[in-house]
């Protein structure tokens, strides 16, 4: 098992602002592997930030569609 240590992957916890941005992207452009990655939902605050961003993205998209 010692030889597997060099293959260990270190995953950084995303910032709350990054989660918000990915939610915003999802709300405006639809879901994809990047903006809905499971790592964005690692804690309750991260999930809430993503959800706030998604709601805002959906509002922006709605305004854009109404203006067109």
C-alpha atoms as a PDB file:
ATOM      1  CA  UNK A   1       0.000   0.000   0.000  1.00  0.00           C
ATOM      2  CA  UNK A   2       2.906   2.328   0.558  1.00  0.00           C
ATOM      3  CA  UNK A   3       3.490   2.597  -3.193  1.00  0.00           C
ATOM      4  CA  UNK A   4      -0.036   4.051  -3.629  1.00  0.00           C
ATOM      5  CA  UNK A   5       0.750   7.205  -1.638  1.00  0.00           C
ATOM      6  CA  UNK A   6       2.138   8.959  -4.716  1.00  0.00           C
ATOM      7  CA  UNK A   7      -1.211   8.488  -6.483  1.00  0.00           C
ATOM      8  CA  UNK A   8      -3.241  10.149  -3.753  1.00  0.00           C
ATOM      9  CA  UNK A   9      -5.394  12.970  -5.082  1.00  0.00           C
ATOM     10  CA  UNK A  10      -5.831  16.045  -2.950  1.00  0.00           C
ATOM     11  CA  UNK A  11      -9.194  17.665  -3.485  1.00  0.00           C
ATOM     12  CA  UNK A  12      -9.568  21.238  -2.300  1.00  0.00           C
ATOM     13  CA  UNK A  13     -12.834  22.402  -0.829  1.00  0.00           C
ATOM     14  CA  UNK A  14     -14.385  25.021  -3.142  1.00  0.00           C
ATOM     15  CA  UNK A  15     -14.963  28.510  -1.811  1.00  0.00           C
ATOM     16  CA  UNK A  16     -18.492  29.711  -1.155  1.00  0.00           C
ATOM     17  CA  UNK A  17     -18.100  32.337  -3.870  1.00  0.00           C
ATOM     18  CA  UNK A  18     -17.083  29.656  -6.382  1.00  0.00           C
ATOM     19  CA  UNK A  19     -20.167  27.612  -5.441  1.00  0.00           C
ATOM     20  CA  UNK A  20     -22.315  30.712  -5.953  1.00  0.00           C
ATOM     21  CA  UNK A  21     -20.723  31.335  -9.375  1.00  0.00           C
ATOM     22  CA  UNK A  22     -21.323  27.726 -10.441  1.00  0.00           C
ATOM     23  CA  UNK A  23     -24.959  27.971  -9.311  1.00  0.00           C
ATOM     24  CA  UNK A  24     -25.289  31.206 -11.277  1.00  0.00           C
ATOM     25  CA  UNK A  25     -23.850  29.472 -14.334  1.00  0.00           C
ATOM     26  CA  UNK A  26     -26.273  26.579 -13.915  1.00  0.00           C
ATOM     27  CA  UNK A  27     -29.235  28.931 -13.624  1.00  0.00           C
ATOM     28  CA  UNK A  28     -28.266  30.851 -16.757  1.00  0.00           C
ATOM     29  CA  UNK A  29     -26.848  28.106 -18.970  1.00  0.00           C
ATOM     30  CA  UNK A  30     -28.320  24.880 -17.634  1.00  0.00           C
ATOM     31  CA  UNK A  31     -26.590  22.086 -15.744  1.00  0.00           C
ATOM     32  CA  UNK A  32     -23.341  20.488 -16.832  1.00  0.00           C
ATOM     33  CA  UNK A  33     -20.561  18.436 -15.241  1.00  0.00           C
ATOM     34  CA  UNK A  34     -18.687  21.516 -14.067  1.00  0.00           C
ATOM     35  CA  UNK A  35     -21.461  23.616 -12.522  1.00  0.00           C
ATOM     36  CA  UNK A  36     -23.220  20.645 -10.865  1.00  0.00           C
ATOM     37  CA  UNK A  37     -20.167  18.705  -9.679  1.00  0.00           C
ATOM     38  CA  UNK A  38     -20.811  16.867  -6.412  1.00  0.00           C
ATOM     39  CA  UNK A  39     -17.849  18.632  -4.788  1.00  0.00           C
ATOM     40  CA  UNK A  40     -19.820  21.894  -4.832  1.00  0.00           C
ATOM     41  CA  UNK A  41     -22.237  20.434  -2.282  1.00  0.00           C
ATOM     42  CA  UNK A  42     -19.706  19.291   0.321  1.00  0.00           C
ATOM     43  CA  UNK A  43     -21.300  21.242   3.189  1.00  0.00           C
ATOM     44  CA  UNK A  44     -24.620  22.905   3.891  1.00  0.00           C
ATOM     45  CA  UNK A  45     -23.217  26.456   3.408  1.00  0.00           C
ATOM     46  CA  UNK A  46     -21.699  25.429   0.062  1.00  0.00           C
ATOM     47  CA  UNK A  47     -25.005  23.978  -1.082  1.00  0.00           C
ATOM     48  CA  UNK A  48     -26.867  27.109   0.041  1.00  0.00           C
ATOM     49  CA  UNK A  49     -24.413  29.359  -1.833  1.00  0.00           C
ATOM     50  CA  UNK A  50     -24.901  27.268  -4.986  1.00  0.00           C
ATOM     51  CA  UNK A  51     -28.687  27.415  -4.627  1.00  0.00           C
ATOM     52  CA  UNK A  52     -28.598  31.226  -4.169  1.00  0.00           C
ATOM     53  CA  UNK A  53     -26.519  31.515  -7.322  1.00  0.00           C
ATOM     54  CA  UNK A  54     -28.873  29.240  -9.255  1.00  0.00           C
ATOM     55  CA  UNK A  55     -31.927  31.275  -8.228  1.00  0.00           C
ATOM     56  CA  UNK A  56     -30.190  34.498  -9.264  1.00  0.00           C
ATOM     57  CA  UNK A  57     -29.102  32.947 -12.561  1.00  0.00           C
ATOM     58  CA  UNK A  58     -32.675  31.878 -13.278  1.00  0.00           C
ATOM     59  CA  UNK A  59     -33.907  35.427 -12.512  1.00  0.00           C
ATOM     60  CA  UNK A  60     -31.312  36.896 -14.862  1.00  0.00           C
ATOM     61  CA  UNK A  61     -32.270  34.442 -17.599  1.00  0.00           C
ATOM     62  CA  UNK A  62     -35.955  35.233 -17.116  1.00  0.00           C
ATOM     63  CA  UNK A  63     -35.282  38.983 -17.427  1.00  0.00           C
ATOM     64  CA  UNK A  64     -33.222  38.414 -20.568  1.00  0.00           C
ATOM     65  CA  UNK A  65     -36.001  36.348 -22.148  1.00  0.00           C
ATOM     66  CA  UNK A  66     -38.654  38.921 -21.262  1.00  0.00           C
ATOM     67  CA  UNK A  67     -36.559  41.716 -22.771  1.00  0.00           C
ATOM     68  CA  UNK A  68     -36.090  39.852 -26.059  1.00  0.00           C
END
